[in-house]
Amino acid sequence: MPAWLKDAVFYEIYPQSFCDSNGDGIGDFNGIISKLDYIKDLGCNALWINPCFDSPFNDAGYDVRDYKKAAPRYGTNEDLIHLFEEAHKRDMHVFLDLVPGHTSEEHEWFKASARAVKNEYSGRYIWTDMCFNGDGMGGYPYIAGAQERSGVYVLNFFKCQPALNYGWLNPDRDWKDATDSENARATIEAMKDVMRFWMDRGCDGFRVDMASSLVKGDDEKKTGTCAIWTEVRAMFDQDYPECALVAEWSDPCLSIPAGYHMDFLLNEPDSPQTQLARDYQNHSGGPIFADPWFTGYEKAGRGQDHYEDHSFFRKDAGGDITAFMESFSSMHEKTKDQGYISLLTCNHDTVRPSFALDPEELKLYTAFLFTMPTVPFLYYGDEIGMRYLSLKTKEGGYYRTGSRTPMQWTGGKNLGFSDADASRLYLPVDEAADAPNVEDQEKREDSLLCTIKGLLKLRAEDEDLRAEADCKVLYMEKNSPLLVYARGKRIIALNTSSKEMSCSVSAADAKPVWAVGTAEIRDGSVSVGPQSFAIF
């Protein structure tokens, strides 16, 4: 296990929208390099960069055309390698986004696989044995009649994303390969080769897209897919022991024993907040991971699509955090000796937390995330409370597009993202007069940005607040806005309501070393002011 992970705080960058260094309206590698000092000063010491490989961008880069070539819109391979080098000079690590389950239909592997004449890539994707035979697909989407080859091929998501062939757990058709077949083995080795290519050039690991979905017809325990990642982990341990993997899986009790160093906890697909975002935009879309587990929406009885927000972090919303904490504690206890759970403020696929929470509520929300026993991830712009915008789809984003808008650096032209004409920007910036920006919030000690910087500074200085210290709940009641927990020798108290709350606690009198709002421990009782968070 790489030692640096226990101290890591990741910053996720959507490269199209972070910083444009050459005035073409699209963010790039050199733009990221120019902001490394900002990210380091913020308190983040690792990056996750969303897909930056060559792509036709029908799904914002999650449709890879060439795994070993940087997308020209961002720069060259040499520019990306320079980014690794500049990050390392600052004791920062860089993860790239790996998409192992599918490629673009424009990838050379697929072009060869789609030919009628058999070749070394014919088995790289999942094909049936005849153009009219879609039988046995097991519910997977597929395309027929679009290629020279007589066969139907499996998709993972969009029509442009043919699924790579890692085999079927229990093949029941002649055209289905087993997981140990020559074709499946060739795919595994090809993906390992991609990982080696970038790690040999300075990459520190990968966030793995839809990590649980490789083997088709897998069982509930993901036996086939887990075996692949166990093999990949062996490669890491032997040849790249300081590199790591984080899974988009949301089941650490499966993913971490299988070999992952970390796994995200994400919400269930089709959450009510996702539906609210769709209604807000007035166009539909498919399932995504949306709000955190501990945000709750309930039907309000005024129509099928009307919800009331009962998030724990909304002031006086009647939220309940007990289910999340009990579930988290159980998973953490089972996996803490093997790897880390990761919580994230949001990501490129989810609604920004500011959609539901105001700036004061966001302070409590982020303070909680950064003091749990996790390796946390901060999505660019969440440190200033960037808004989710209602926008038409861009590059397959659909309702996710509103969380992918340009970073807001200043109050000037294009909010400091780019010098290009506004019409050339990858996505429009927030045009509201009060659009939050870094320059403004750096001047105000009570801003969300400065609050997060202060907390992450304390986290970096105190092992009890980082990933490996014990976590014990000291007070938690169903539907109570008060939560008290211990991290090592620290006591942490959180009150999301508009009233002062208190409870008994076995601790000496103390004042907080860091706080939002007011709190104290006196005479065996912890008292926490309205909408307050404190570390004792």
Protein backbone atom coordinates (compact mmCIF):
# COMPACT_ATOMS: atom_id res chain seq x y z
CA MET A 1 0.00 0.00 0.00
CA PRO A 2 1.55 3.37 -1.00
CA ALA A 3 2.22 5.29 2.20
CA TRP A 4 1.24 8.62 0.63
CA LEU A 5 -2.41 7.62 0.34
CA LYS A 6 -3.15 7.96 4.05
CA ASP A 7 -2.37 11.68 3.80
CA ALA A 8 -3.92 12.26 0.36
CA VAL A 9 -6.63 14.79 -0.50
CA PHE A 10 -7.55 14.60 -4.18
CA TYR A 11 -8.73 17.42 -6.43
CA GLU A 12 -10.77 16.32 -9.44
CA ILE A 13 -10.26 18.30 -12.65
CA TYR A 14 -12.54 18.28 -15.67
CA PRO A 15 -9.80 19.40 -18.08
CA GLN A 16 -12.07 21.01 -20.66
CA SER A 17 -13.31 23.46 -18.05
CA PHE A 18 -10.47 24.15 -15.64
CA CYS A 19 -8.07 26.68 -17.16
CA ASP A 20 -7.48 27.69 -20.79
CA SER A 21 -3.85 28.74 -21.32
CA ASN A 22 -3.90 29.34 -25.09
CA GLY A 23 -7.14 31.26 -25.62
CA ASP A 24 -9.02 28.64 -27.65
CA GLY A 25 -11.89 28.41 -25.16
CA ILE A 26 -11.00 24.93 -23.90
CA GLY A 27 -8.96 24.06 -20.81
CA ASP A 28 -5.62 22.31 -21.29
CA PHE A 29 -2.61 20.71 -19.58
CA ASN A 30 -0.64 23.94 -19.39
CA GLY A 31 -3.62 25.59 -17.76
CA ILE A 32 -3.63 22.89 -15.09
CA ILE A 33 0.11 23.36 -14.55
CA SER A 34 -0.43 27.09 -14.03
CA LYS A 35 -2.85 26.34 -11.18
CA LEU A 36 -0.87 23.65 -9.35
CA ASP A 37 0.26 26.12 -6.69
CA TYR A 38 -3.35 27.14 -6.10
CA ILE A 39 -4.38 23.50 -5.67
CA LYS A 40 -1.47 22.83 -3.33
CA ASP A 41 -2.26 25.94 -1.28
CA LEU A 42 -5.88 24.86 -1.08
CA GLY A 43 -4.72 21.74 0.75
CA CYS A 44 -4.96 19.11 -1.98
CA ASN A 45 -1.88 17.04 -2.74
CA ALA A 46 -3.19 14.76 -5.49
CA LEU A 47 -5.10 15.19 -8.75
CA TRP A 48 -7.66 13.11 -10.61
CA ILE A 49 -7.85 14.31 -14.20
CA ASN A 50 -10.93 13.24 -16.14
CA PRO A 51 -10.31 11.47 -19.49
CA CYS A 52 -7.64 13.26 -21.47
CA PHE A 53 -6.82 10.68 -24.17
CA ASP A 54 -7.50 11.10 -27.87
CA SER A 55 -11.24 10.87 -28.48
CA PRO A 56 -14.02 12.03 -30.82
CA PHE A 57 -15.65 13.34 -27.60
CA ASN A 58 -19.09 11.89 -28.10
CA ASP A 59 -19.02 11.17 -24.37
CA ALA A 60 -16.62 13.87 -23.17
CA GLY A 61 -13.58 11.63 -23.52
CA TYR A 62 -15.11 8.47 -22.05
CA ASP A 63 -15.05 7.20 -25.63
CA VAL A 64 -11.32 6.63 -26.10
CA ARG A 65 -9.87 6.52 -29.61
CA ASP A 66 -6.25 6.02 -28.58
CA TYR A 67 -5.23 5.16 -25.01
CA LYS A 68 -1.61 6.14 -25.60
CA LYS A 69 -2.15 9.57 -27.11
CA ALA A 70 -3.17 12.73 -25.29
CA ALA A 71 -6.15 14.54 -26.79
CA PRO A 72 -4.73 17.38 -28.95
CA ARG A 73 -7.25 19.84 -27.48
CA TYR A 74 -5.34 19.56 -24.18
CA GLY A 75 -1.82 19.32 -25.55
CA THR A 76 0.70 16.61 -26.39
CA ASN A 77 2.00 13.55 -24.56
CA GLU A 78 5.01 15.66 -23.68
CA ASP A 79 2.75 18.30 -22.11
CA LEU A 80 1.04 15.66 -20.01
CA ILE A 81 4.38 14.24 -18.91
CA HIS A 82 5.46 17.78 -18.00
CA LEU A 83 2.33 18.04 -15.86
CA PHE A 84 3.39 14.88 -14.00
CA GLU A 85 6.84 16.38 -13.46
CA GLU A 86 5.56 19.73 -12.21
CA ALA A 87 3.15 18.02 -9.83
CA HIS A 88 5.92 15.81 -8.46
CA LYS A 89 8.11 18.86 -7.82
CA ARG A 90 5.35 20.01 -5.46
CA ASP A 91 5.02 16.57 -3.79
CA MET A 92 1.72 16.04 -5.55
CA HIS A 93 0.47 12.88 -7.27
CA VAL A 94 -1.56 12.59 -10.48
CA PHE A 95 -4.23 10.03 -11.38
CA LEU A 96 -5.55 9.69 -14.91
CA ASP A 97 -9.03 8.44 -15.73
CA LEU A 98 -8.92 4.91 -17.17
CA VAL A 99 -11.89 3.62 -19.18
CA PRO A 100 -11.26 -0.13 -19.45
CA GLY A 101 -14.73 -1.39 -20.30
CA HIS A 102 -15.19 0.07 -23.77
CA THR A 103 -13.58 2.24 -26.42
CA SER A 104 -14.80 4.61 -29.09
CA GLU A 105 -16.08 2.98 -32.26
CA GLU A 106 -13.27 4.98 -33.90
CA HIS A 107 -10.54 3.11 -32.02
CA GLU A 108 -8.23 1.15 -34.32
CA TRP A 109 -8.94 -2.00 -32.33
CA PHE A 110 -12.64 -1.76 -33.15
CA LYS A 111 -12.08 -0.90 -36.79
CA ALA A 112 -10.01 -4.07 -37.13
CA SER A 113 -12.47 -6.12 -35.09
CA ALA A 114 -15.35 -5.02 -37.35
CA ARG A 115 -13.70 -6.36 -40.52
CA ALA A 116 -15.12 -9.47 -42.16
CA VAL A 117 -11.70 -11.11 -42.42
CA LYS A 118 -10.51 -12.60 -39.14
CA ASN A 119 -7.52 -10.85 -37.54
CA GLU A 120 -5.80 -10.44 -34.18
CA TYR A 121 -8.48 -7.96 -33.01
CA SER A 122 -11.54 -9.96 -34.06
CA GLY A 123 -12.03 -11.10 -30.47
CA ARG A 124 -11.17 -7.82 -28.77
CA TYR A 125 -14.90 -6.92 -28.59
CA ILE A 126 -18.04 -8.98 -27.95
CA TRP A 127 -19.67 -10.17 -31.19
CA THR A 128 -22.34 -12.76 -31.93
CA ASP A 129 -21.87 -15.17 -34.79
CA MET A 130 -24.39 -13.66 -37.22
CA CYS A 131 -25.78 -10.28 -38.18
CA PHE A 132 -29.34 -11.24 -37.17
CA ASN A 133 -28.39 -13.02 -33.96
CA GLY A 134 -28.91 -10.88 -30.87
CA ASP A 135 -30.06 -13.86 -28.83
CA GLY A 136 -28.30 -14.47 -25.53
CA MET A 137 -27.22 -10.90 -24.88
CA GLY A 138 -28.60 -11.04 -21.36
CA GLY A 139 -30.17 -7.60 -21.60
CA TYR A 140 -27.02 -5.81 -22.75
CA PRO A 141 -27.60 -3.18 -25.47
CA TYR A 142 -26.20 -3.99 -28.89
CA ILE A 143 -25.81 -2.78 -32.46
CA ALA A 144 -26.64 -4.78 -35.56
CA GLY A 145 -26.08 -4.13 -39.26
CA ALA A 146 -23.64 -1.26 -38.89
CA GLN A 147 -20.36 -2.96 -39.77
CA GLU A 148 -18.81 -5.12 -42.47
CA ARG A 149 -18.60 -8.09 -40.11
CA SER A 150 -21.64 -10.38 -39.90
CA GLY A 151 -22.39 -10.12 -36.22
CA VAL A 152 -24.07 -8.12 -33.49
CA TYR A 153 -21.80 -6.33 -31.01
CA VAL A 154 -22.39 -5.35 -27.40
CA LEU A 155 -22.43 -1.76 -26.16
CA ASN A 156 -21.72 -0.47 -22.69
CA PHE A 157 -23.51 2.88 -22.86
CA PHE A 158 -23.86 5.07 -25.96
CA LYS A 159 -23.93 3.64 -29.47
CA CYS A 160 -20.36 4.86 -29.96
CA GLN A 161 -19.00 2.72 -27.06
CA PRO A 162 -18.53 -0.94 -28.03
CA ALA A 163 -17.75 -3.16 -25.04
CA LEU A 164 -14.31 -4.73 -24.78
CA ASN A 165 -14.22 -8.50 -24.40
CA TYR A 166 -13.16 -9.73 -20.97
CA GLY A 167 -15.23 -12.88 -21.39
CA TRP A 168 -18.43 -14.17 -19.83
CA LEU A 169 -18.48 -15.77 -16.39
CA ASN A 170 -20.68 -18.64 -17.57
CA PRO A 171 -20.68 -18.71 -21.38
CA ASP A 172 -23.77 -20.41 -22.77
CA ARG A 173 -23.34 -19.65 -26.50
CA ASP A 174 -20.59 -20.68 -28.86
CA TRP A 175 -19.76 -17.03 -29.56
CA LYS A 176 -19.28 -16.19 -25.87
CA ASP A 177 -15.69 -16.40 -24.67
CA ALA A 178 -14.79 -17.66 -21.20
CA THR A 179 -12.85 -15.38 -18.89
CA ASP A 180 -9.70 -17.46 -19.40
CA SER A 181 -10.02 -17.59 -23.18
CA GLU A 182 -7.31 -16.33 -25.50
CA ASN A 183 -9.46 -13.37 -26.53
CA ALA A 184 -10.27 -12.31 -22.95
CA ARG A 185 -6.63 -12.70 -21.93
CA ALA A 186 -5.52 -10.52 -24.84
CA THR A 187 -7.87 -7.74 -23.69
CA ILE A 188 -6.57 -7.88 -20.12
CA GLU A 189 -2.96 -7.73 -21.28
CA ALA A 190 -3.74 -4.82 -23.61
CA MET A 191 -5.25 -2.81 -20.74
CA LYS A 192 -2.32 -3.63 -18.45
CA ASP A 193 -0.05 -2.39 -21.23
CA VAL A 194 -1.94 0.93 -21.32
CA MET A 195 -1.49 1.34 -17.56
CA ARG A 196 2.22 0.53 -17.79
CA PHE A 197 2.64 3.02 -20.64
CA TRP A 198 1.47 5.96 -18.52
CA MET A 199 2.97 4.87 -15.20
CA ASP A 200 6.35 4.52 -16.93
CA ARG A 201 5.96 8.20 -17.89
CA GLY A 202 5.10 9.49 -14.44
CA CYS A 203 1.41 8.80 -13.85
CA ASP A 204 0.77 7.79 -10.22
CA GLY A 205 -2.32 5.65 -10.80
CA PHE A 206 -5.83 5.61 -12.15
CA ARG A 207 -9.42 6.29 -11.31
CA VAL A 208 -11.14 3.38 -13.05
CA ASP A 209 -14.44 4.06 -14.78
CA MET A 210 -17.25 1.58 -14.06
CA ALA A 211 -14.73 -0.78 -12.53
CA SER A 212 -17.24 -3.53 -11.73
CA SER A 213 -18.54 -3.98 -15.27
CA LEU A 214 -15.79 -5.82 -17.18
CA VAL A 215 -16.92 -9.45 -17.27
CA LYS A 216 -20.35 -9.95 -18.77
CA GLY A 217 -22.87 -12.19 -17.04
CA ASP A 218 -20.91 -11.81 -13.81
CA ASP A 219 -22.44 -12.97 -10.52
CA GLU A 220 -23.41 -10.83 -7.52
CA LYS A 221 -19.94 -11.21 -6.06
CA LYS A 222 -18.41 -10.04 -9.37
CA THR A 223 -16.22 -13.12 -9.35
CA GLY A 224 -14.94 -12.72 -12.91
CA THR A 225 -14.26 -9.00 -12.68
CA CYS A 226 -12.65 -9.25 -9.24
CA ALA A 227 -10.18 -11.83 -10.58
CA ILE A 228 -9.02 -9.33 -13.21
CA TRP A 229 -8.38 -6.59 -10.66
CA THR A 230 -6.58 -9.01 -8.35
CA GLU A 231 -4.23 -9.72 -11.25
CA VAL A 232 -3.78 -6.00 -11.97
CA ARG A 233 -3.02 -5.32 -8.29
CA ALA A 234 -0.29 -7.97 -8.38
CA MET A 235 1.28 -6.06 -11.27
CA PHE A 236 1.10 -2.83 -9.26
CA ASP A 237 2.60 -4.40 -6.14
CA GLN A 238 5.47 -5.91 -8.08
CA ASP A 239 6.33 -3.22 -10.62
CA TYR A 240 4.62 0.02 -9.46
CA PRO A 241 4.32 -0.20 -5.65
CA GLU A 242 3.92 3.59 -5.25
CA CYS A 243 1.04 3.77 -7.73
CA ALA A 244 -2.60 3.18 -6.83
CA LEU A 245 -6.12 2.55 -8.09
CA VAL A 246 -9.46 4.03 -7.05
CA ALA A 247 -12.63 2.33 -8.25
CA GLU A 248 -15.89 3.73 -9.47
CA TRP A 249 -17.61 0.74 -7.91
CA SER A 250 -19.32 1.87 -4.69
CA ASP A 251 -18.90 -1.49 -3.00
CA PRO A 252 -15.62 -1.42 -1.05
CA CYS A 253 -16.33 -4.79 0.54
CA LEU A 254 -15.91 -6.29 -2.95
CA SER A 255 -13.53 -3.90 -4.70
CA ILE A 256 -10.89 -3.51 -1.98
CA PRO A 257 -10.32 -7.24 -1.34
CA ALA A 258 -10.16 -7.62 -5.13
CA GLY A 259 -7.15 -5.33 -5.27
CA TYR A 260 -8.28 -1.71 -5.28
CA HIS A 261 -6.50 0.69 -2.96
CA MET A 262 -9.64 2.85 -2.69
CA ASP A 263 -13.30 2.82 -3.69
CA PHE A 264 -15.75 5.70 -3.95
CA LEU A 265 -19.00 5.69 -2.03
CA LEU A 266 -21.60 7.00 -4.43
CA ASN A 267 -25.35 7.24 -4.29
CA GLU A 268 -27.74 4.85 -5.96
CA PRO A 269 -28.70 5.54 -9.60
CA ASP A 270 -31.87 7.49 -10.35
CA SER A 271 -31.99 9.33 -7.05
CA PRO A 272 -34.69 11.96 -6.56
CA GLN A 273 -32.08 14.72 -6.75
CA THR A 274 -31.18 13.46 -10.21
CA GLN A 275 -34.84 13.67 -11.15
CA LEU A 276 -35.01 17.20 -9.79
CA ALA A 277 -32.05 18.15 -11.96
CA ARG A 278 -33.73 16.63 -15.01
CA ASP A 279 -36.95 18.51 -14.32
CA TYR A 280 -34.93 21.68 -13.76
CA GLN A 281 -33.37 21.29 -17.19
CA ASN A 282 -36.58 20.07 -18.85
CA HIS A 283 -34.91 17.22 -20.67
CA SER A 284 -34.46 13.59 -19.77
CA GLY A 285 -31.53 11.27 -19.32
CA GLY A 286 -30.47 7.92 -17.94
CA PRO A 287 -29.33 6.84 -14.47
CA ILE A 288 -26.40 8.60 -12.86
CA PHE A 289 -24.83 8.74 -9.44
CA ALA A 290 -26.13 11.88 -7.83
CA ASP A 291 -26.26 13.16 -4.28
CA PRO A 292 -24.37 11.64 -1.33
CA TRP A 293 -25.96 8.83 0.64
CA PHE A 294 -26.75 11.15 3.48
CA THR A 295 -28.87 13.52 1.40
CA GLY A 296 -32.51 12.42 1.53
CA TYR A 297 -35.47 13.36 -0.61
CA GLU A 298 -38.99 12.21 0.08
CA LYS A 299 -42.19 12.39 -1.96
CA ALA A 300 -44.21 15.35 -0.72
CA GLY A 301 -47.60 14.05 -1.80
CA ARG A 302 -48.25 16.79 -4.36
CA GLY A 303 -47.60 14.79 -7.50
CA GLN A 304 -45.27 12.07 -8.67
CA ASP A 305 -42.35 14.40 -9.38
CA HIS A 306 -42.59 16.69 -6.36
CA TYR A 307 -40.01 16.12 -3.65
CA GLU A 308 -39.09 17.73 -0.37
CA ASP A 309 -35.43 17.93 0.60
CA HIS A 310 -34.67 16.24 3.90
CA SER A 311 -30.91 16.31 3.64
CA PHE A 312 -29.11 16.04 6.94
CA PHE A 313 -27.08 19.10 5.99
CA ARG A 314 -30.07 21.33 5.26
CA LYS A 315 -30.93 23.52 8.21
CA ASP A 316 -33.99 22.16 10.06
CA ALA A 317 -34.81 19.79 7.18
CA GLY A 318 -35.41 16.82 9.47
CA GLY A 319 -32.65 14.77 7.90
CA ASP A 320 -31.32 11.53 9.31
CA ILE A 321 -27.67 10.50 9.07
CA THR A 322 -27.88 7.28 11.07
CA ALA A 323 -28.33 4.93 8.10
CA PHE A 324 -25.31 6.38 6.34
CA MET A 325 -23.10 6.31 9.43
CA GLU A 326 -24.06 2.74 10.32
CA SER A 327 -23.45 1.56 6.77
CA PHE A 328 -20.18 3.45 6.49
CA SER A 329 -18.93 2.15 9.83
CA SER A 330 -19.67 -1.42 8.83
CA MET A 331 -17.85 -1.11 5.50
CA HIS A 332 -14.94 0.76 7.07
CA GLU A 333 -14.46 -1.90 9.73
CA LYS A 334 -14.36 -4.65 7.09
CA THR A 335 -11.93 -2.91 4.75
CA LYS A 336 -9.71 -0.59 6.84
CA ASP A 337 -6.79 -3.03 6.95
CA GLN A 338 -6.78 -3.47 3.17
CA GLY A 339 -7.63 -0.09 1.66
CA TYR A 340 -9.56 3.15 1.92
CA ILE A 341 -13.09 4.36 1.34
CA SER A 342 -13.34 7.66 -0.53
CA LEU A 343 -16.04 10.28 -0.10
CA LEU A 344 -16.32 13.08 -2.65
CA THR A 345 -17.99 16.47 -2.67
CA CYS A 346 -19.49 15.53 -6.04
CA ASN A 347 -18.05 14.70 -9.46
CA HIS A 348 -18.48 15.25 -13.20
CA ASP A 349 -21.48 12.88 -13.25
CA THR A 350 -23.41 14.37 -10.35
CA VAL A 351 -25.33 17.46 -9.38
CA ARG A 352 -23.15 19.96 -7.52
CA PRO A 353 -23.91 20.12 -3.78
CA SER A 354 -24.74 23.81 -4.11
CA PHE A 355 -27.87 22.70 -5.97
CA ALA A 356 -29.33 21.76 -2.57
CA LEU A 357 -27.13 23.49 0.00
CA ASP A 358 -26.42 27.17 0.68
CA PRO A 359 -22.88 28.41 1.54
CA GLU A 360 -23.26 27.92 5.29
CA GLU A 361 -24.66 24.42 4.80
CA LEU A 362 -21.82 23.65 2.39
CA LYS A 363 -19.30 24.48 5.12
CA LEU A 364 -20.81 21.82 7.38
CA TYR A 365 -21.06 19.33 4.53
CA THR A 366 -17.42 19.68 3.45
CA ALA A 367 -16.16 19.76 7.04
CA PHE A 368 -17.84 16.43 7.64
CA LEU A 369 -16.39 14.91 4.46
CA PHE A 370 -12.85 16.01 5.26
CA THR A 371 -12.89 14.71 8.86
CA MET A 372 -14.14 11.19 8.16
CA PRO A 373 -11.67 8.25 7.91
CA THR A 374 -11.42 8.42 4.14
CA VAL A 375 -9.24 9.56 1.28
CA PRO A 376 -11.45 12.50 0.22
CA PHE A 377 -11.99 13.96 -3.25
CA LEU A 378 -12.85 17.62 -3.93
CA TYR A 379 -14.42 18.40 -7.31
CA TYR A 380 -13.06 21.57 -8.92
CA GLY A 381 -15.21 24.58 -8.05
CA ASP A 382 -16.92 22.98 -5.06
CA GLU A 383 -14.45 24.84 -2.86
CA ILE A 384 -16.17 28.09 -3.86
CA GLY A 385 -19.70 26.70 -4.14
CA MET A 386 -19.99 26.80 -7.93
CA ARG A 387 -23.56 26.38 -9.07
CA TYR A 388 -25.18 23.66 -11.11
CA LEU A 389 -26.44 25.37 -14.27
CA SER A 390 -29.33 24.47 -16.55
CA LEU A 391 -27.67 23.90 -19.94
CA LYS A 392 -28.30 21.96 -23.10
CA THR A 393 -26.20 18.88 -23.54
CA LYS A 394 -22.54 19.07 -24.57
CA GLU A 395 -20.51 16.06 -25.70
CA GLY A 396 -22.93 13.53 -24.26
CA GLY A 397 -23.25 15.28 -20.93
CA TYR A 398 -27.05 15.70 -20.96
CA TYR A 399 -28.13 16.65 -17.41
CA ARG A 400 -24.53 16.23 -16.21
CA THR A 401 -23.49 19.20 -18.34
CA GLY A 402 -24.57 21.67 -15.66
CA SER A 403 -21.81 20.44 -13.34
CA ARG A 404 -19.07 20.77 -15.97
CA THR A 405 -18.96 24.53 -16.51
CA PRO A 406 -15.73 26.61 -16.53
CA MET A 407 -13.88 27.19 -13.28
CA GLN A 408 -14.54 30.65 -11.85
CA TRP A 409 -11.22 32.24 -10.99
CA THR A 410 -11.97 35.97 -11.02
CA GLY A 411 -14.78 38.43 -11.54
CA GLY A 412 -13.35 39.48 -14.92
CA LYS A 413 -13.75 38.26 -18.49
CA ASN A 414 -15.13 34.72 -18.64
CA LEU A 415 -14.59 34.65 -14.87
CA GLY A 416 -10.88 34.19 -15.48
CA PHE A 417 -11.21 30.84 -17.25
CA SER A 418 -10.18 31.97 -20.74
CA ASP A 419 -9.25 35.02 -22.81
CA ALA A 420 -11.30 33.69 -25.74
CA ASP A 421 -14.48 35.30 -26.98
CA ALA A 422 -17.41 34.02 -24.93
CA SER A 423 -18.88 32.35 -28.01
CA ARG A 424 -15.85 30.04 -28.22
CA LEU A 425 -15.94 28.73 -24.65
CA TYR A 426 -16.35 25.00 -24.13
CA LEU A 427 -19.38 25.80 -21.96
CA PRO A 428 -20.78 29.17 -20.84
CA VAL A 429 -19.75 30.55 -17.49
CA ASP A 430 -22.17 31.42 -14.71
CA GLU A 431 -23.54 34.82 -15.77
CA ALA A 432 -25.12 35.68 -12.41
CA ALA A 433 -23.89 38.90 -10.83
CA ASP A 434 -23.06 37.00 -7.63
CA ALA A 435 -21.31 34.07 -9.29
CA PRO A 436 -18.72 32.87 -6.75
CA ASN A 437 -15.05 33.14 -7.71
CA VAL A 438 -11.67 32.36 -6.18
CA GLU A 439 -10.33 35.92 -6.21
CA ASP A 440 -13.24 37.24 -4.19
CA GLN A 441 -13.36 34.40 -1.68
CA GLU A 442 -9.63 34.52 -0.98
CA LYS A 443 -10.20 37.99 0.46
CA ARG A 444 -12.86 36.87 2.97
CA GLU A 445 -11.86 34.73 5.94
CA ASP A 446 -15.42 33.51 6.39
CA SER A 447 -15.79 32.35 2.77
CA LEU A 448 -16.30 28.71 1.85
CA LEU A 449 -12.88 28.67 0.17
CA CYS A 450 -11.02 29.95 3.23
CA THR A 451 -13.01 27.63 5.49
CA ILE A 452 -11.94 24.61 3.43
CA LYS A 453 -8.33 25.81 3.27
CA GLY A 454 -8.21 26.18 7.04
CA LEU A 455 -9.69 22.75 7.63
CA LEU A 456 -7.39 21.00 5.16
CA LYS A 457 -4.38 22.75 6.72
CA LEU A 458 -5.36 21.33 10.11
CA ARG A 459 -5.95 17.90 8.56
CA ALA A 460 -2.45 17.94 7.06
CA GLU A 461 -0.95 18.75 10.45
CA ASP A 462 -2.94 16.24 12.52
CA GLU A 463 -2.77 12.49 11.95
CA ASP A 464 -5.99 12.05 13.93
CA LEU A 465 -7.90 13.76 11.12
CA ARG A 466 -6.43 11.76 8.25
CA ALA A 467 -7.43 8.46 6.70
CA GLU A 468 -6.08 5.91 9.19
CA ALA A 469 -7.10 7.20 12.63
CA ASP A 470 -9.93 5.38 14.37
CA CYS A 471 -13.46 6.75 14.14
CA LYS A 472 -16.00 6.21 16.93
CA VAL A 473 -19.50 7.67 17.12
CA LEU A 474 -20.07 9.30 20.50
CA TYR A 475 -23.59 10.63 19.94
CA MET A 476 -26.09 9.92 17.18
CA GLU A 477 -29.87 9.64 17.31
CA LYS A 478 -32.34 9.05 14.51
CA ASN A 479 -33.54 12.34 12.99
CA SER A 480 -31.34 14.35 15.33
CA PRO A 481 -29.36 17.23 13.78
CA LEU A 482 -26.51 16.61 16.26
CA LEU A 483 -23.64 14.24 15.52
CA VAL A 484 -20.56 13.75 17.70
CA TYR A 485 -17.69 11.44 16.81
CA ALA A 486 -14.07 10.87 17.79
CA ARG A 487 -11.07 10.65 15.45
CA GLY A 488 -8.21 9.39 17.56
CA LYS A 489 -7.82 11.96 20.35
CA ARG A 490 -9.99 14.52 18.59
CA ILE A 491 -13.68 15.02 19.29
CA ILE A 492 -15.77 16.38 16.44
CA ALA A 493 -19.25 17.82 16.84
CA LEU A 494 -21.75 18.85 14.15
CA ASN A 495 -25.12 20.56 14.50
CA THR A 496 -27.12 21.27 11.33
CA SER A 497 -30.12 22.89 13.01
CA SER A 498 -31.00 26.51 13.82
CA LYS A 499 -30.91 25.86 17.57
CA GLU A 500 -28.12 25.10 20.01
CA MET A 501 -27.83 21.36 20.71
CA SER A 502 -26.03 19.49 23.47
CA CYS A 503 -25.34 15.99 24.73
CA SER A 504 -23.26 14.24 27.34
CA VAL A 505 -19.70 13.34 26.45
CA SER A 506 -16.86 11.82 28.43
CA ALA A 507 -14.19 14.48 27.96
CA ALA A 508 -12.39 17.23 29.81
CA ASP A 509 -13.47 20.85 29.40
CA ALA A 510 -12.29 22.16 26.04
CA LYS A 511 -12.68 24.83 23.43
CA PRO A 512 -12.46 23.95 19.75
CA VAL A 513 -9.17 24.18 17.89
CA TRP A 514 -11.11 24.76 14.67
CA ALA A 515 -14.75 25.69 14.24
CA VAL A 516 -17.52 26.98 12.07
CA GLY A 517 -19.85 28.74 14.50
CA THR A 518 -19.63 28.08 18.23
CA ALA A 519 -19.11 25.06 20.47
CA GLU A 520 -17.62 24.03 23.80
CA ILE A 521 -17.19 21.05 26.08
CA ARG A 522 -17.88 21.78 29.74
CA ASP A 523 -18.91 19.71 32.75
CA GLY A 524 -19.23 16.51 30.74
CA SER A 525 -21.44 18.06 28.06
CA VAL A 526 -20.74 19.20 24.53
CA SER A 527 -22.78 22.20 23.37
CA VAL A 528 -22.86 23.11 19.70
CA GLY A 529 -24.32 26.35 18.41
CA PRO A 530 -26.73 26.68 15.47
CA GLN A 531 -25.27 25.41 12.19
CA SER A 532 -21.91 24.80 13.80
CA PHE A 533 -19.05 22.35 13.39
CA ALA A 534 -16.17 22.02 15.82
CA ILE A 535 -13.00 20.00 16.32
CA PHE A 536 -11.82 19.67 19.93
